[in-house]
Amino acid sequence: ISCRSQPLVLVLDDLQWADKMTLSVIRMLMTDPDIHHFLLLGCYRENEVNESHMLSTNLNDIREQGINVMTIKVGAIERESANALISDTMCLPPNLCRPLSNAVHRKTGGVIMFILRLLASLNEEGLIWYSINLRQWMFDLQKIERKEMSEDVVKHMTEHMSRLPVQIQLGLKLCACLGPTFEAMILEKARKNADIGDDFLSSCVEDGYLLTEGGSSYKWSHDQVQQAAYELIPLQKREKIHLLIGSRLLLGLPSSEM
């Protein structure tokens, strides 16, 4: 079927669920010396495939026969990429889409699947609509900003949290101990000399962990996100951290407020 003038690309999704027969056919196609100009693209969920999984063993067999198998990890996209995607989808200039794409990126963590799902949901709820009079897509940014994240997005964000740099994790632990809402000044006193990075709060807002409440007030984007940050603290150390934060805040109080 495939030749130099007509190369063939075969795309197979959800290979984590592929049965033995399907994987055998894939192995045969990839290792047959008479098949040329053929590219197979396979997608699977990494968290559902371990070393003993049938897919892993078949891929190892293919590699051992000298076939080049390239692994591409598809992660979250950057805000600019999300903006380009939404701009193209809604046929609007990028500068008009940026407020919407920033909100969508914060609420989805930049995961393509969540972005598309959220856009469809916003359209169904009437928060994104096509205006016949203006002949363009419109959106209600204020209502979109207030919309809560889905459980899938929360789960993704909490799993990602454990892979963040140590500085960011430390800052998230401190914020989790301060409660569902807190002031930037309180965090500054709680951390004292601890290094959590100069742009910690702004980066957490950009990543969707925190939301701004106006001025220097912040709140968690979801109670499960706060809980996940709190669970970064080992159980046996939680009392000590609460005591340490309380002591720092007490020592920082002027005598008139005691």
C-alpha atoms as a PDB file:
ATOM      1  CA  ILE A   1       0.000   0.000   0.000  1.00  0.00           C
ATOM      2  CA  SER A   2       2.761   2.446   0.930  1.00  0.00           C
ATOM      3  CA  CYS A   3       5.466   3.504  -1.515  1.00  0.00           C
ATOM      4  CA  ARG A   4       7.783   6.455  -2.154  1.00  0.00           C
ATOM      5  CA  SER A   5       5.120   8.383  -4.099  1.00  0.00           C
ATOM      6  CA  GLN A   6       2.351   7.476  -1.628  1.00  0.00           C
ATOM      7  CA  PRO A   7       3.715   7.150   1.930  1.00  0.00           C
ATOM      8  CA  LEU A   8       1.284   5.932   4.556  1.00  0.00           C
ATOM      9  CA  VAL A   9       0.731   7.282   8.085  1.00  0.00           C
ATOM     10  CA  LEU A  10      -1.379   5.181  10.487  1.00  0.00           C
ATOM     11  CA  VAL A  11      -2.571   6.797  13.733  1.00  0.00           C
ATOM     12  CA  LEU A  12      -3.848   4.603  16.571  1.00  0.00           C
ATOM     13  CA  ASP A  13      -5.159   6.090  19.821  1.00  0.00           C
ATOM     14  CA  ASP A  14      -5.636   4.600  23.330  1.00  0.00           C
ATOM     15  CA  LEU A  15      -3.056   1.849  22.850  1.00  0.00           C
ATOM     16  CA  GLN A  16      -3.123   1.223  26.606  1.00  0.00           C
ATOM     17  CA  TRP A  17      -6.344  -0.725  25.899  1.00  0.00           C
ATOM     18  CA  ALA A  18      -5.054  -2.608  22.828  1.00  0.00           C
ATOM     19  CA  ASP A  19      -5.488  -6.392  22.950  1.00  0.00           C
ATOM     20  CA  LYS A  20      -2.848  -8.998  22.178  1.00  0.00           C
ATOM     21  CA  MET A  21      -3.950  -9.456  18.553  1.00  0.00           C
ATOM     22  CA  THR A  22      -3.811  -5.705  17.810  1.00  0.00           C
ATOM     23  CA  LEU A  23      -0.328  -5.410  19.298  1.00  0.00           C
ATOM     24  CA  SER A  24       0.832  -8.424  17.275  1.00  0.00           C
ATOM     25  CA  VAL A  25      -0.378  -6.773  14.052  1.00  0.00           C
ATOM     26  CA  ILE A  26       1.452  -3.551  15.021  1.00  0.00           C
ATOM     27  CA  ARG A  27       4.653  -5.494  15.676  1.00  0.00           C
ATOM     28  CA  MET A  28       4.313  -7.295  12.328  1.00  0.00           C
ATOM     29  CA  LEU A  29       3.797  -4.015  10.422  1.00  0.00           C
ATOM     30  CA  MET A  30       6.765  -2.360  12.105  1.00  0.00           C
ATOM     31  CA  THR A  31       9.221  -5.225  11.667  1.00  0.00           C
ATOM     32  CA  ASP A  32       8.305  -6.518   8.168  1.00  0.00           C
ATOM     33  CA  PRO A  33      11.382  -5.815   5.975  1.00  0.00           C
ATOM     34  CA  ASP A  34       9.184  -5.535   2.867  1.00  0.00           C
ATOM     35  CA  ILE A  35       7.179  -2.567   4.228  1.00  0.00           C
ATOM     36  CA  HIS A  36       8.675   0.852   3.457  1.00  0.00           C
ATOM     37  CA  HIS A  37       7.554   4.511   3.571  1.00  0.00           C
ATOM     38  CA  PHE A  38       5.260   3.739   6.474  1.00  0.00           C
ATOM     39  CA  LEU A  39       4.897   5.718   9.726  1.00  0.00           C
ATOM     40  CA  LEU A  40       2.917   4.512  12.733  1.00  0.00           C
ATOM     41  CA  LEU A  41       1.818   7.078  15.352  1.00  0.00           C
ATOM     42  CA  GLY A  42       0.528   5.519  18.563  1.00  0.00           C
ATOM     43  CA  CYS A  43      -0.954   7.330  21.549  1.00  0.00           C
ATOM     44  CA  TYR A  44      -1.371   5.979  25.064  1.00  0.00           C
ATOM     45  CA  ARG A  45      -1.781   7.140  28.648  1.00  0.00           C
ATOM     46  CA  GLU A  46       1.594   6.901  30.336  1.00  0.00           C
ATOM     47  CA  ASN A  47       0.097   6.495  33.813  1.00  0.00           C
ATOM     48  CA  GLU A  48      -1.710   3.307  32.695  1.00  0.00           C
ATOM     49  CA  VAL A  49       1.303   1.587  31.101  1.00  0.00           C
ATOM     50  CA  ASN A  50       4.128   0.130  33.207  1.00  0.00           C
ATOM     51  CA  GLU A  51       7.138  -1.997  32.219  1.00  0.00           C
ATOM     52  CA  SER A  52       5.168  -5.242  32.426  1.00  0.00           C
ATOM     53  CA  HIS A  53       2.275  -3.954  30.282  1.00  0.00           C
ATOM     54  CA  MET A  54       1.760  -5.743  26.920  1.00  0.00           C
ATOM     55  CA  LEU A  55       2.367  -2.488  25.064  1.00  0.00           C
ATOM     56  CA  SER A  56       5.743  -1.971  26.766  1.00  0.00           C
ATOM     57  CA  THR A  57       6.919  -5.510  26.024  1.00  0.00           C
ATOM     58  CA  ASN A  58       5.891  -5.213  22.369  1.00  0.00           C
ATOM     59  CA  LEU A  59       7.666  -1.863  21.986  1.00  0.00           C
ATOM     60  CA  ASN A  60      10.802  -3.389  23.502  1.00  0.00           C
ATOM     61  CA  ASP A  61      10.582  -6.300  21.043  1.00  0.00           C
ATOM     62  CA  ILE A  62      10.323  -3.829  18.131  1.00  0.00           C
ATOM     63  CA  ARG A  63      13.345  -1.858  19.391  1.00  0.00           C
ATOM     64  CA  GLU A  64      15.417  -5.043  19.745  1.00  0.00           C
ATOM     65  CA  GLN A  65      14.862  -5.736  16.041  1.00  0.00           C
ATOM     66  CA  GLY A  66      16.538  -2.442  15.172  1.00  0.00           C
ATOM     67  CA  ILE A  67      13.403  -0.392  14.501  1.00  0.00           C
ATOM     68  CA  ASN A  68      13.637   3.254  15.526  1.00  0.00           C
ATOM     69  CA  VAL A  69      10.915   3.946  18.117  1.00  0.00           C
ATOM     70  CA  MET A  70      10.663   7.575  19.195  1.00  0.00           C
ATOM     71  CA  THR A  71       8.808   8.500  22.393  1.00  0.00           C
ATOM     72  CA  ILE A  72       7.248  11.964  22.528  1.00  0.00           C
ATOM     73  CA  LYS A  73       5.740  13.064  25.835  1.00  0.00           C
ATOM     74  CA  VAL A  74       2.817  15.384  25.187  1.00  0.00           C
ATOM     75  CA  GLY A  75       2.470  17.831  28.059  1.00  0.00           C
ATOM     76  CA  ALA A  76       0.668  21.072  28.742  1.00  0.00           C
ATOM     77  CA  ILE A  77       0.985  23.931  26.265  1.00  0.00           C
ATOM     78  CA  GLU A  78       2.145  27.459  27.071  1.00  0.00           C
ATOM     79  CA  ARG A  79      -0.235  30.412  27.350  1.00  0.00           C
ATOM     80  CA  GLU A  80       0.775  31.823  23.959  1.00  0.00           C
ATOM     81  CA  SER A  81       0.074  28.471  22.303  1.00  0.00           C
ATOM     82  CA  ALA A  82      -3.312  28.312  24.029  1.00  0.00           C
ATOM     83  CA  ASN A  83      -4.038  31.814  22.794  1.00  0.00           C
ATOM     84  CA  ALA A  84      -3.098  30.843  19.219  1.00  0.00           C
ATOM     85  CA  LEU A  85      -5.348  27.777  19.436  1.00  0.00           C
ATOM     86  CA  ILE A  86      -8.361  29.727  20.733  1.00  0.00           C
ATOM     87  CA  SER A  87      -7.735  32.592  18.309  1.00  0.00           C
ATOM     88  CA  ASP A  88      -7.752  30.153  15.397  1.00  0.00           C
ATOM     89  CA  THR A  89     -10.817  28.296  16.721  1.00  0.00           C
ATOM     90  CA  MET A  90     -12.884  31.446  17.231  1.00  0.00           C
ATOM     91  CA  CYS A  91     -11.546  33.297  14.152  1.00  0.00           C
ATOM     92  CA  LEU A  92     -10.603  36.283  16.308  1.00  0.00           C
ATOM     93  CA  PRO A  93      -7.357  38.303  16.432  1.00  0.00           C
ATOM     94  CA  PRO A  94      -4.952  37.017  19.124  1.00  0.00           C
ATOM     95  CA  ASN A  95      -5.080  40.295  21.078  1.00  0.00           C
ATOM     96  CA  LEU A  96      -8.887  40.025  21.437  1.00  0.00           C
ATOM     97  CA  CYS A  97      -8.645  36.399  22.579  1.00  0.00           C
ATOM     98  CA  ARG A  98      -5.877  36.886  25.133  1.00  0.00           C
ATOM     99  CA  PRO A  99      -8.103  37.649  28.188  1.00  0.00           C
ATOM    100  CA  LEU A 100     -10.178  34.545  27.408  1.00  0.00           C
ATOM    101  CA  SER A 101      -7.189  32.318  26.671  1.00  0.00           C
ATOM    102  CA  ASN A 102      -5.438  33.410  29.885  1.00  0.00           C
ATOM    103  CA  ALA A 103      -8.524  32.454  31.909  1.00  0.00           C
ATOM    104  CA  VAL A 104      -8.906  29.141  30.059  1.00  0.00           C
ATOM    105  CA  HIS A 105      -5.199  28.333  30.490  1.00  0.00           C
ATOM    106  CA  ARG A 106      -5.382  28.981  34.248  1.00  0.00           C
ATOM    107  CA  LYS A 107      -8.423  26.743  34.626  1.00  0.00           C
ATOM    108  CA  THR A 108      -7.072  23.871  32.524  1.00  0.00           C
ATOM    109  CA  GLY A 109      -3.375  23.858  33.338  1.00  0.00           C
ATOM    110  CA  GLY A 110      -2.694  24.110  29.591  1.00  0.00           C
ATOM    111  CA  VAL A 111      -3.777  20.511  28.891  1.00  0.00           C
ATOM    112  CA  ILE A 112      -5.190  20.411  25.341  1.00  0.00           C
ATOM    113  CA  MET A 113      -7.953  17.939  26.165  1.00  0.00           C
ATOM    114  CA  PHE A 114      -9.149  20.102  29.078  1.00  0.00           C
ATOM    115  CA  ILE A 115      -8.960  23.276  26.967  1.00  0.00           C
ATOM    116  CA  LEU A 116     -11.192  21.803  24.242  1.00  0.00           C
ATOM    117  CA  ARG A 117     -13.567  20.345  26.818  1.00  0.00           C
ATOM    118  CA  LEU A 118     -13.851  23.669  28.655  1.00  0.00           C
ATOM    119  CA  LEU A 119     -14.460  25.633  25.449  1.00  0.00           C
ATOM    120  CA  ALA A 120     -17.277  23.235  24.487  1.00  0.00           C
ATOM    121  CA  SER A 121     -18.736  23.515  27.997  1.00  0.00           C
ATOM    122  CA  LEU A 122     -18.595  27.328  27.934  1.00  0.00           C
ATOM    123  CA  ASN A 123     -20.388  27.331  24.594  1.00  0.00           C
ATOM    124  CA  GLU A 124     -23.111  25.001  25.918  1.00  0.00           C
ATOM    125  CA  GLU A 125     -23.614  27.251  28.947  1.00  0.00           C
ATOM    126  CA  GLY A 126     -23.886  30.374  26.801  1.00  0.00           C
ATOM    127  CA  LEU A 127     -20.677  31.938  28.120  1.00  0.00           C
ATOM    128  CA  ILE A 128     -19.193  31.760  24.610  1.00  0.00           C
ATOM    129  CA  TRP A 129     -21.583  32.458  21.749  1.00  0.00           C
ATOM    130  CA  TYR A 130     -21.688  33.588  18.152  1.00  0.00           C
ATOM    131  CA  SER A 131     -23.248  37.011  17.591  1.00  0.00           C
ATOM    132  CA  ILE A 132     -25.237  37.161  14.355  1.00  0.00           C
ATOM    133  CA  ASN A 133     -25.332  40.968  14.499  1.00  0.00           C
ATOM    134  CA  LEU A 134     -21.593  41.424  15.035  1.00  0.00           C
ATOM    135  CA  ARG A 135     -20.703  38.323  12.980  1.00  0.00           C
ATOM    136  CA  GLN A 136     -18.093  37.167  15.481  1.00  0.00           C
ATOM    137  CA  TRP A 137     -17.673  35.031  18.564  1.00  0.00           C
ATOM    138  CA  MET A 138     -18.252  36.725  21.940  1.00  0.00           C
ATOM    139  CA  PHE A 139     -17.533  35.665  25.537  1.00  0.00           C
ATOM    140  CA  ASP A 140     -18.505  36.710  29.062  1.00  0.00           C
ATOM    141  CA  LEU A 141     -15.104  36.966  30.743  1.00  0.00           C
ATOM    142  CA  GLN A 142     -16.401  37.792  34.255  1.00  0.00           C
ATOM    143  CA  LYS A 143     -18.612  34.691  34.427  1.00  0.00           C
ATOM    144  CA  ILE A 144     -15.879  32.518  32.929  1.00  0.00           C
ATOM    145  CA  GLU A 145     -13.428  33.740  35.586  1.00  0.00           C
ATOM    146  CA  ARG A 146     -15.895  32.723  38.316  1.00  0.00           C
ATOM    147  CA  LYS A 147     -16.475  29.265  36.867  1.00  0.00           C
ATOM    148  CA  GLU A 148     -15.029  26.439  38.990  1.00  0.00           C
ATOM    149  CA  MET A 149     -12.549  23.961  37.583  1.00  0.00           C
ATOM    150  CA  SER A 150     -13.677  20.434  36.731  1.00  0.00           C
ATOM    151  CA  GLU A 151     -12.595  17.459  38.844  1.00  0.00           C
ATOM    152  CA  ASP A 152     -10.351  16.183  36.016  1.00  0.00           C
ATOM    153  CA  VAL A 153      -8.421  19.448  35.927  1.00  0.00           C
ATOM    154  CA  VAL A 154      -8.062  19.483  39.712  1.00  0.00           C
ATOM    155  CA  LYS A 155      -6.707  15.921  39.629  1.00  0.00           C
ATOM    156  CA  HIS A 156      -4.210  16.840  36.911  1.00  0.00           C
ATOM    157  CA  MET A 157      -3.011  19.895  38.840  1.00  0.00           C
ATOM    158  CA  THR A 158      -2.594  18.017  42.106  1.00  0.00           C
ATOM    159  CA  GLU A 159      -0.588  15.281  40.379  1.00  0.00           C
ATOM    160  CA  HIS A 160       1.596  17.916  38.710  1.00  0.00           C
ATOM    161  CA  MET A 161       2.169  19.681  42.038  1.00  0.00           C
ATOM    162  CA  SER A 162       4.421  16.911  43.375  1.00  0.00           C
ATOM    163  CA  ARG A 163       6.794  17.421  40.411  1.00  0.00           C
ATOM    164  CA  LEU A 164       7.253  21.160  40.927  1.00  0.00           C
ATOM    165  CA  PRO A 165      10.619  22.645  42.019  1.00  0.00           C
ATOM    166  CA  VAL A 166      11.335  22.425  45.766  1.00  0.00           C
ATOM    167  CA  GLN A 167      11.075  26.239  46.178  1.00  0.00           C
ATOM    168  CA  ILE A 168       7.559  26.318  44.712  1.00  0.00           C
ATOM    169  CA  GLN A 169       6.479  23.307  46.777  1.00  0.00           C
ATOM    170  CA  LEU A 170       7.675  25.038  49.945  1.00  0.00           C
ATOM    171  CA  GLY A 171       5.661  28.153  49.092  1.00  0.00           C
ATOM    172  CA  LEU A 172       2.551  26.055  48.394  1.00  0.00           C
ATOM    173  CA  LYS A 173       2.940  24.271  51.744  1.00  0.00           C
ATOM    174  CA  LEU A 174       3.072  27.595  53.567  1.00  0.00           C
ATOM    175  CA  CYS A 175       0.039  28.926  51.678  1.00  0.00           C
ATOM    176  CA  ALA A 176      -1.900  25.743  52.449  1.00  0.00           C
ATOM    177  CA  CYS A 177      -1.306  26.293  56.171  1.00  0.00           C
ATOM    178  CA  LEU A 178      -2.589  29.882  55.926  1.00  0.00           C
ATOM    179  CA  GLY A 179      -6.075  28.738  54.920  1.00  0.00           C
ATOM    180  CA  PRO A 180      -8.386  29.143  51.915  1.00  0.00           C
ATOM    181  CA  THR A 181      -7.606  32.885  51.631  1.00  0.00           C
ATOM    182  CA  PHE A 182      -4.591  34.900  52.751  1.00  0.00           C
ATOM    183  CA  GLU A 183      -2.738  38.175  52.296  1.00  0.00           C
ATOM    184  CA  ALA A 184       0.623  38.445  50.547  1.00  0.00           C
ATOM    185  CA  MET A 185       1.998  40.247  53.624  1.00  0.00           C
ATOM    186  CA  ILE A 186       1.001  37.316  55.860  1.00  0.00           C
ATOM    187  CA  LEU A 187       2.799  34.878  53.547  1.00  0.00           C
ATOM    188  CA  GLU A 188       5.866  37.128  53.626  1.00  0.00           C
ATOM    189  CA  LYS A 189       5.919  36.974  57.436  1.00  0.00           C
ATOM    190  CA  ALA A 190       5.246  33.232  57.475  1.00  0.00           C
ATOM    191  CA  ARG A 191       8.097  32.411  55.130  1.00  0.00           C
ATOM    192  CA  LYS A 192      10.570  34.772  56.819  1.00  0.00           C
ATOM    193  CA  ASN A 193      13.932  33.899  55.192  1.00  0.00           C
ATOM    194  CA  ALA A 194      12.715  30.783  53.372  1.00  0.00           C
ATOM    195  CA  ASP A 195      13.423  30.917  49.628  1.00  0.00           C
ATOM    196  CA  ILE A 196      10.209  30.425  47.623  1.00  0.00           C
ATOM    197  CA  GLY A 197      11.258  32.576  44.661  1.00  0.00           C
ATOM    198  CA  ASP A 198      10.666  36.262  43.946  1.00  0.00           C
ATOM    199  CA  ASP A 199       7.697  35.705  41.619  1.00  0.00           C
ATOM    200  CA  PHE A 200       6.095  32.843  43.566  1.00  0.00           C
ATOM    201  CA  LEU A 201       2.580  34.314  43.861  1.00  0.00           C
ATOM    202  CA  SER A 202       2.361  35.525  40.264  1.00  0.00           C
ATOM    203  CA  SER A 203       3.582  32.168  38.924  1.00  0.00           C
ATOM    204  CA  CYS A 204       1.025  30.317  41.069  1.00  0.00           C
ATOM    205  CA  VAL A 205      -1.738  32.534  39.667  1.00  0.00           C
ATOM    206  CA  GLU A 206      -0.496  31.897  36.116  1.00  0.00           C
ATOM    207  CA  ASP A 207      -0.403  28.145  36.738  1.00  0.00           C
ATOM    208  CA  GLY A 208      -3.936  28.196  38.140  1.00  0.00           C
ATOM    209  CA  TYR A 209      -3.162  27.187  41.733  1.00  0.00           C
ATOM    210  CA  LEU A 210      -4.154  30.562  43.190  1.00  0.00           C
ATOM    211  CA  LEU A 211      -6.601  33.305  42.269  1.00  0.00           C
ATOM    212  CA  THR A 212      -6.275  36.994  43.064  1.00  0.00           C
ATOM    213  CA  GLU A 213      -8.956  38.478  45.300  1.00  0.00           C
ATOM    214  CA  GLY A 214      -8.066  42.083  44.582  1.00  0.00           C
ATOM    215  CA  GLY A 215      -5.128  44.030  45.942  1.00  0.00           C
ATOM    216  CA  SER A 216      -2.757  41.685  47.763  1.00  0.00           C
ATOM    217  CA  SER A 217      -5.360  39.048  48.685  1.00  0.00           C
ATOM    218  CA  TYR A 218      -5.212  35.520  47.276  1.00  0.00           C
ATOM    219  CA  LYS A 219      -7.355  32.406  47.458  1.00  0.00           C
ATOM    220  CA  TRP A 220      -6.984  28.811  46.306  1.00  0.00           C
ATOM    221  CA  SER A 221      -8.536  27.993  42.945  1.00  0.00           C
ATOM    222  CA  HIS A 222     -10.163  24.894  44.463  1.00  0.00           C
ATOM    223  CA  ASP A 223     -10.303  23.368  47.938  1.00  0.00           C
ATOM    224  CA  GLN A 224      -8.802  20.128  46.599  1.00  0.00           C
ATOM    225  CA  VAL A 225      -5.826  22.060  45.239  1.00  0.00           C
ATOM    226  CA  GLN A 226      -5.247  23.480  48.727  1.00  0.00           C
ATOM    227  CA  GLN A 227      -5.622  20.001  50.209  1.00  0.00           C
ATOM    228  CA  ALA A 228      -3.089  18.609  47.734  1.00  0.00           C
ATOM    229  CA  ALA A 229      -0.608  21.343  48.703  1.00  0.00           C
ATOM    230  CA  TYR A 230      -1.202  20.575  52.385  1.00  0.00           C
ATOM    231  CA  GLU A 231      -0.566  16.879  51.776  1.00  0.00           C
ATOM    232  CA  LEU A 232       2.897  17.735  50.447  1.00  0.00           C
ATOM    233  CA  ILE A 233       3.772  18.197  54.133  1.00  0.00           C
ATOM    234  CA  PRO A 234       4.598  14.871  55.827  1.00  0.00           C
ATOM    235  CA  LEU A 235       1.999  14.061  58.484  1.00  0.00           C
ATOM    236  CA  GLN A 236       4.536  14.032  61.312  1.00  0.00           C
ATOM    237  CA  LYS A 237       5.776  17.547  60.422  1.00  0.00           C
ATOM    238  CA  ARG A 238       2.441  19.372  60.125  1.00  0.00           C
ATOM    239  CA  GLU A 239       2.154  20.373  63.777  1.00  0.00           C
ATOM    240  CA  LYS A 240       5.688  21.753  63.786  1.00  0.00           C
ATOM    241  CA  ILE A 241       5.066  23.827  60.648  1.00  0.00           C
ATOM    242  CA  HIS A 242       1.829  25.265  62.051  1.00  0.00           C
ATOM    243  CA  LEU A 243       3.656  26.145  65.289  1.00  0.00           C
ATOM    244  CA  LEU A 244       6.542  27.717  63.360  1.00  0.00           C
ATOM    245  CA  ILE A 245       4.209  29.833  61.197  1.00  0.00           C
ATOM    246  CA  GLY A 246       2.155  30.890  64.237  1.00  0.00           C
ATOM    247  CA  SER A 247       5.299  31.905  66.113  1.00  0.00           C
ATOM    248  CA  ARG A 248       6.573  33.974  63.195  1.00  0.00           C
ATOM    249  CA  LEU A 249       3.232  35.745  62.798  1.00  0.00           C
ATOM    250  CA  LEU A 250       3.034  36.411  66.559  1.00  0.00           C
ATOM    251  CA  LEU A 251       6.537  37.837  66.696  1.00  0.00           C
ATOM    252  CA  GLY A 252       5.749  40.065  63.730  1.00  0.00           C
ATOM    253  CA  LEU A 253       2.689  41.630  65.414  1.00  0.00           C
ATOM    254  CA  PRO A 254       3.080  45.130  66.863  1.00  0.00           C
ATOM    255  CA  SER A 255       2.324  45.360  70.582  1.00  0.00           C
ATOM    256  CA  SER A 256      -0.821  47.428  69.886  1.00  0.00           C
ATOM    257  CA  GLU A 257      -2.390  44.457  68.011  1.00  0.00           C
ATOM    258  CA  MET A 258      -1.594  41.801  70.613  1.00  0.00           C
END
